Amino acid sequence: MSVKKMEMKATRDAYGEVLAELGAENKDIVVLDADLAKSTKTVDFAKKFPDRFFDVGIAEANMIGMAAGLATAGKIPFASTFALFGTLRVGDQIRNSICYPNLNVKIAVTHSGLTLGEDGASHQAVEDVALMRAIPNMTVIVPADAVETKKVIRTAAETYGPMYIRMGRPKVPVLFDDSYQFQIGKGVQIKDGSDVTIIAMGVMAHIALEAAEDLAKEGISARVINMSTIKPIDQEIIIRAAQETRGIVTAEEANIYGGLGGAVAEVLAENYPAPLRRVGVMDTFGESGTPDALLQKYGLTKENIMEKAKTLL
């Protein structure tokens, strides 16, 4: 699989498209938004199904409460806003109103991580994955591209339980074709390799592939795994990678504490201790800038992944 000459599409665009499709297929699906429908792309659903769309205004806590109530009535709510506002602003409501009673609410957020860009640190969620992982009953999913996003949203609509689905703002390469099969809790090996393993989530999946391609030019064989489900995480594929390669590099657009790197570290420590290097946001806030400039400044790059991989050889 090569990332060159691939179609570019934002995962939030795919979210809006599949949500509108699902609305026609399942009358129980309802969508809530907090005054950001044009940005989260739920506006497409709102135009087609105005009687099943609720814009609560800038009142995210109310949105989560309403979603919980709709779920108790048998609906399948997709509550949408930016990642920061859909997690840290409403942690209490998610924990006590959705996850504690284990309700069928999907919290589908966009504009996650540093690649939110110019809106700056006040809008960039880098702690959200750790927070959502820590809440019992919550499933955490970070799709890598537009195709996987559509598969994830369809699976979420068909699967009972609280889910946190994290999507991004900018266009990213489309890695998968329509034959791709998403399964909750399963990582996917997207490139074979025998020297080191790179496990990536979200926007970092295509950057991991670029790193692997450049490592190959230097005679280093890197396996790449797309780990879209962060909780429950695929322990089997992680342990196999630890057994078959000389170490693992994780790559995430989130704080390394409590995110993908932390989850992989937990699996290794309890099952098959192996060298691990983490590429991600190093416990710091972001700042205003273009997505590419921020990824570069904070070390979320193929060069950093390659450097970490070489320390494992």
Protein backbone atom coordinates (compact mmCIF):
# COMPACT_ATOMS: atom_id res chain seq x y z
CA MET A 1 0.00 0.00 0.00
CA SER A 2 1.42 3.38 -1.04
CA VAL A 3 0.18 6.77 0.13
CA LYS A 4 1.24 8.48 -3.08
CA LYS A 5 -1.41 9.69 -5.57
CA MET A 6 -4.22 8.79 -3.20
CA GLU A 7 -7.57 10.56 -3.05
CA MET A 8 -7.76 13.13 -0.26
CA LYS A 9 -10.89 13.46 1.88
CA ALA A 10 -11.69 14.62 5.41
CA THR A 11 -13.14 12.07 7.82
CA ARG A 12 -15.73 14.66 8.91
CA ASP A 13 -16.99 14.84 5.31
CA ALA A 14 -17.41 11.06 5.27
CA TYR A 15 -19.25 11.27 8.59
CA GLY A 16 -21.80 13.72 7.19
CA GLU A 17 -22.36 11.61 4.08
CA VAL A 18 -22.88 8.29 5.84
CA LEU A 19 -25.05 9.84 8.53
CA ALA A 20 -27.43 11.14 5.86
CA GLU A 21 -27.48 7.69 4.24
CA LEU A 22 -28.20 5.94 7.52
CA GLY A 23 -31.01 8.36 8.30
CA ALA A 24 -32.99 6.95 5.39
CA GLU A 25 -32.25 3.37 6.38
CA ASN A 26 -32.97 3.55 10.11
CA LYS A 27 -35.74 5.76 11.44
CA ASP A 28 -34.46 5.43 15.01
CA ILE A 29 -31.30 7.41 14.26
CA VAL A 30 -31.43 10.96 15.60
CA VAL A 31 -28.68 13.58 15.44
CA LEU A 32 -27.83 16.33 17.91
CA ASP A 33 -25.38 19.16 17.38
CA ALA A 34 -24.15 22.13 19.39
CA ASP A 35 -24.28 24.97 16.87
CA LEU A 36 -21.55 23.49 14.65
CA ALA A 37 -23.57 21.52 12.09
CA LYS A 38 -21.84 23.07 9.08
CA SER A 39 -18.43 22.19 10.51
CA THR A 40 -19.28 18.71 11.81
CA LYS A 41 -21.19 18.06 8.55
CA THR A 42 -24.37 16.97 10.34
CA VAL A 43 -26.05 19.69 8.30
CA ASP A 44 -26.63 17.12 5.54
CA PHE A 45 -28.71 14.98 7.93
CA ALA A 46 -30.54 18.09 9.18
CA LYS A 47 -31.67 19.04 5.67
CA LYS A 48 -32.98 15.56 4.90
CA PHE A 49 -34.50 14.75 8.29
CA PRO A 50 -35.34 18.00 10.12
CA ASP A 51 -37.74 16.23 12.48
CA ARG A 52 -34.89 14.02 13.74
CA PHE A 53 -32.23 16.72 14.07
CA PHE A 54 -31.75 18.85 17.18
CA ASP A 55 -29.42 21.86 17.33
CA VAL A 56 -29.12 22.63 21.03
CA GLY A 57 -27.01 25.75 20.55
CA ILE A 58 -23.77 26.22 22.47
CA ALA A 59 -24.97 23.97 25.28
CA GLU A 60 -23.03 20.74 25.07
CA ALA A 61 -24.05 19.45 28.50
CA ASN A 62 -27.70 19.77 27.50
CA MET A 63 -26.91 17.95 24.27
CA ILE A 64 -25.47 14.97 26.12
CA GLY A 65 -28.42 14.92 28.52
CA MET A 66 -30.88 15.02 25.64
CA ALA A 67 -29.01 12.21 23.88
CA ALA A 68 -29.24 10.09 27.02
CA GLY A 69 -32.97 10.71 27.23
CA LEU A 70 -33.54 9.86 23.57
CA ALA A 71 -31.55 6.63 24.03
CA THR A 72 -33.81 5.55 26.90
CA ALA A 73 -36.74 5.95 24.49
CA GLY A 74 -35.13 3.55 21.99
CA LYS A 75 -33.52 6.07 19.67
CA ILE A 76 -29.91 5.90 18.44
CA PRO A 77 -28.51 9.38 19.08
CA PHE A 78 -25.37 10.67 17.38
CA ALA A 79 -24.24 13.67 19.45
CA SER A 80 -21.80 15.79 17.45
CA THR A 81 -19.50 18.70 18.11
CA PHE A 82 -15.78 19.47 18.20
CA ALA A 83 -13.70 16.92 20.14
CA LEU A 84 -12.76 19.30 22.94
CA PHE A 85 -16.32 20.42 23.57
CA GLY A 86 -17.68 16.87 23.30
CA THR A 87 -15.35 15.49 25.97
CA LEU A 88 -13.68 17.76 28.52
CA ARG A 89 -16.61 20.19 28.68
CA VAL A 90 -19.11 17.37 29.31
CA GLY A 91 -17.14 14.67 31.13
CA ASP A 92 -19.61 14.53 34.01
CA GLN A 93 -22.63 14.09 31.73
CA ILE A 94 -20.89 11.42 29.63
CA ARG A 95 -19.85 9.45 32.69
CA ASN A 96 -23.02 9.65 34.75
CA SER A 97 -25.78 10.02 32.15
CA ILE A 98 -24.47 7.76 29.36
CA CYS A 99 -21.76 5.34 30.48
CA TYR A 100 -22.97 4.56 34.01
CA PRO A 101 -26.43 3.43 32.75
CA ASN A 102 -24.71 2.02 29.60
CA LEU A 103 -26.95 3.83 27.11
CA ASN A 104 -26.80 3.52 23.34
CA VAL A 105 -25.35 6.98 22.61
CA LYS A 106 -22.71 7.70 19.97
CA ILE A 107 -20.53 10.73 20.68
CA ALA A 108 -19.15 11.51 17.23
CA VAL A 109 -16.69 14.38 17.30
CA THR A 110 -14.73 16.25 14.63
CA HIS A 111 -11.83 18.76 14.73
CA SER A 112 -9.74 16.56 17.01
CA GLY A 113 -6.07 16.92 17.83
CA LEU A 114 -3.58 19.51 16.62
CA THR A 115 -4.83 19.43 13.03
CA LEU A 116 -7.78 21.56 14.06
CA GLY A 117 -5.14 24.13 13.20
CA GLU A 118 -5.56 27.87 13.37
CA ASP A 119 -8.26 27.86 16.08
CA GLY A 120 -5.42 27.25 18.54
CA ALA A 121 -4.87 25.41 21.81
CA SER A 122 -8.23 26.37 23.30
CA HIS A 123 -9.98 24.28 20.62
CA GLN A 124 -7.45 21.45 20.15
CA ALA A 125 -8.30 18.22 21.96
CA VAL A 126 -5.20 16.14 22.72
CA GLU A 127 -6.43 14.69 26.04
CA ASP A 128 -9.76 13.31 24.82
CA VAL A 129 -8.63 9.77 24.02
CA ALA A 130 -7.20 9.27 27.51
CA LEU A 131 -10.32 10.66 29.14
CA MET A 132 -12.74 8.51 27.12
CA ARG A 133 -10.62 5.38 27.61
CA ALA A 134 -10.91 5.74 31.36
CA ILE A 135 -14.71 5.67 31.48
CA PRO A 136 -16.23 2.16 31.91
CA ASN A 137 -18.52 0.88 29.11
CA MET A 138 -17.11 3.38 26.59
CA THR A 139 -15.76 2.14 23.25
CA VAL A 140 -13.17 4.47 21.65
CA ILE A 141 -12.62 4.52 17.88
CA VAL A 142 -10.35 6.72 15.72
CA PRO A 143 -10.82 6.01 12.00
CA ALA A 144 -7.87 6.59 9.68
CA ASP A 145 -9.63 7.70 6.51
CA ALA A 146 -12.97 8.43 4.88
CA VAL A 147 -13.72 4.81 3.94
CA GLU A 148 -13.04 3.54 7.45
CA THR A 149 -15.11 6.39 8.90
CA LYS A 150 -18.17 5.27 6.95
CA LYS A 151 -17.66 1.65 8.04
CA VAL A 152 -17.23 2.76 11.66
CA ILE A 153 -20.39 4.87 11.70
CA ARG A 154 -22.45 2.08 10.14
CA THR A 155 -21.08 -0.40 12.69
CA ALA A 156 -21.79 2.04 15.52
CA ALA A 157 -25.41 2.39 14.43
CA GLU A 158 -25.79 -1.40 14.50
CA THR A 159 -23.94 -2.01 17.79
CA TYR A 160 -25.43 -1.25 21.19
CA GLY A 161 -23.51 0.80 23.74
CA PRO A 162 -21.73 4.10 24.33
CA MET A 163 -19.11 4.96 21.70
CA TYR A 164 -16.66 7.78 21.23
CA ILE A 165 -15.76 8.26 17.56
CA ARG A 166 -12.96 10.75 16.90
CA MET A 167 -12.64 12.43 13.49
CA GLY A 168 -10.56 15.24 12.02
CA ARG A 169 -10.86 18.51 10.16
CA PRO A 170 -8.35 18.39 7.27
CA LYS A 171 -8.35 16.19 4.22
CA VAL A 172 -6.24 13.04 4.58
CA PRO A 173 -5.30 10.28 2.11
CA VAL A 174 -7.92 7.57 1.54
CA LEU A 175 -6.09 4.37 2.46
CA PHE A 176 -8.82 1.76 2.04
CA ASP A 177 -11.20 0.77 -0.75
CA ASP A 178 -14.85 -0.14 -0.35
CA SER A 179 -14.00 -3.80 0.26
CA TYR A 180 -12.43 -2.89 3.60
CA GLN A 181 -14.11 -4.59 6.55
CA PHE A 182 -14.07 -2.76 9.88
CA GLN A 183 -14.50 -4.73 13.10
CA ILE A 184 -14.63 -3.20 16.57
CA GLY A 185 -11.58 -4.26 18.59
CA LYS A 186 -9.49 -5.42 15.63
CA GLY A 187 -6.34 -3.75 14.32
CA VAL A 188 -5.44 -4.10 10.64
CA GLN A 189 -1.96 -4.76 9.29
CA ILE A 190 -1.64 -2.45 6.29
CA LYS A 191 2.01 -3.19 5.54
CA ASP A 192 4.08 -6.28 6.25
CA GLY A 193 7.47 -5.98 7.92
CA SER A 194 9.92 -7.99 10.00
CA ASP A 195 12.32 -5.54 11.69
CA VAL A 196 10.06 -3.12 13.58
CA THR A 197 6.33 -2.44 13.95
CA ILE A 198 4.62 0.94 13.72
CA ILE A 199 1.15 1.08 15.28
CA ALA A 200 -0.76 4.21 14.33
CA MET A 201 -4.21 5.73 14.71
CA GLY A 202 -6.15 8.38 12.81
CA VAL A 203 -4.23 10.91 10.76
CA MET A 204 -0.95 9.25 11.75
CA ALA A 205 -1.75 6.04 9.81
CA HIS A 206 -0.77 7.47 6.44
CA ILE A 207 2.28 9.19 7.96
CA ALA A 208 3.33 5.82 9.40
CA LEU A 209 3.07 4.32 5.92
CA GLU A 210 5.29 7.08 4.53
CA ALA A 211 7.81 6.37 7.28
CA ALA A 212 7.77 2.67 6.46
CA GLU A 213 8.35 3.38 2.77
CA ASP A 214 11.37 5.54 3.56
CA LEU A 215 12.70 3.00 6.06
CA ALA A 216 12.52 0.37 3.31
CA LYS A 217 14.83 2.53 1.16
CA GLU A 218 17.38 2.22 3.98
CA GLY A 219 16.97 -1.55 4.17
CA ILE A 220 14.71 -1.57 7.24
CA SER A 221 11.53 -3.62 7.07
CA ALA A 222 8.72 -1.93 9.00
CA ARG A 223 5.33 -3.46 9.68
CA VAL A 224 2.45 -0.95 9.90
CA ILE A 225 -0.75 -1.56 11.83
CA ASN A 226 -3.78 0.70 11.71
CA MET A 227 -5.23 0.61 15.23
CA SER A 228 -8.57 2.36 14.89
CA THR A 229 -10.17 0.83 17.97
CA ILE A 230 -8.28 2.15 20.98
CA LYS A 231 -10.69 0.54 23.46
CA PRO A 232 -11.11 -2.41 23.48
CA ILE A 233 -7.67 -2.67 21.90
CA ASP A 234 -6.53 -5.64 19.80
CA GLN A 235 -4.15 -7.39 22.19
CA GLU A 236 -3.49 -10.30 19.84
CA ILE A 237 -2.04 -8.20 17.01
CA ILE A 238 0.12 -6.21 19.46
CA ILE A 239 1.55 -9.32 21.13
CA ARG A 240 2.25 -10.92 17.73
CA ALA A 241 4.07 -7.79 16.60
CA ALA A 242 6.17 -7.84 19.77
CA GLN A 243 7.05 -11.48 19.18
CA GLU A 244 7.84 -11.16 15.48
CA THR A 245 9.66 -7.80 15.33
CA ARG A 246 12.31 -6.09 17.44
CA GLY A 247 10.12 -3.41 18.94
CA ILE A 248 7.11 -1.16 18.47
CA VAL A 249 6.66 2.53 17.67
CA THR A 250 3.23 4.05 18.34
CA ALA A 251 2.07 7.14 16.46
CA GLU A 252 -0.90 9.23 17.53
CA GLU A 253 -2.22 12.77 17.23
CA ALA A 254 -2.98 12.89 20.95
CA ASN A 255 -1.18 13.10 24.27
CA ILE A 256 1.08 10.08 24.67
CA TYR A 257 -0.21 9.70 28.24
CA GLY A 258 -3.33 7.57 28.26
CA GLY A 259 -3.70 7.41 24.48
CA LEU A 260 -2.66 4.79 21.93
CA GLY A 261 0.90 4.60 23.24
CA GLY A 262 -0.31 4.09 26.78
CA ALA A 263 -2.77 1.40 25.71
CA VAL A 264 -0.09 -0.51 23.80
CA ALA A 265 2.30 -0.18 26.76
CA GLU A 266 -0.30 -1.76 29.05
CA VAL A 267 -0.69 -4.76 26.72
CA LEU A 268 3.05 -5.27 26.42
CA ALA A 269 3.72 -4.92 30.17
CA GLU A 270 1.09 -7.51 31.07
CA ASN A 271 1.68 -10.01 28.26
CA TYR A 272 4.97 -9.77 26.37
CA PRO A 273 7.38 -7.01 27.49
CA ALA A 274 9.10 -5.50 24.46
CA PRO A 275 10.83 -2.20 23.57
CA LEU A 276 8.37 0.62 22.86
CA ARG A 277 8.82 4.14 21.52
CA ARG A 278 5.98 6.68 21.41
CA VAL A 279 5.39 9.45 18.87
CA GLY A 280 2.62 11.85 19.81
CA VAL A 281 1.92 15.07 21.66
CA MET A 282 4.50 15.09 24.45
CA ASP A 283 2.27 16.25 27.32
CA THR A 284 1.96 19.79 26.07
CA PHE A 285 -0.71 22.10 24.66
CA GLY A 286 -0.71 23.13 21.03
CA GLU A 287 -0.90 26.56 19.42
CA SER A 288 -2.32 28.29 16.39
CA GLY A 289 -0.91 27.22 13.02
CA THR A 290 -1.61 25.27 9.90
CA PRO A 291 -2.13 21.53 10.40
CA ASP A 292 1.08 20.63 8.56
CA ALA A 293 3.13 23.21 10.48
CA LEU A 294 1.80 21.95 13.81
CA LEU A 295 2.47 18.30 12.98
CA GLN A 296 6.02 19.29 12.06
CA LYS A 297 6.65 21.45 15.14
CA TYR A 298 5.33 18.85 17.58
CA GLY A 299 7.19 15.96 16.00
CA LEU A 300 4.26 14.08 14.52
CA THR A 301 6.26 13.34 11.40
CA LYS A 302 7.58 10.45 9.38
CA GLU A 303 11.10 11.57 10.24
CA ASN A 304 10.43 11.23 13.98
CA ILE A 305 8.80 7.84 13.49
CA MET A 306 11.84 6.69 11.49
CA GLU A 307 14.23 7.98 14.15
CA LYS A 308 12.35 6.16 16.90
CA ALA A 309 12.22 2.96 14.83
CA LYS A 310 15.98 2.98 14.28
CA THR A 311 16.59 3.05 18.04
CA LEU A 312 14.90 -0.36 18.22
CA LEU A 313 17.28 -2.12 15.82
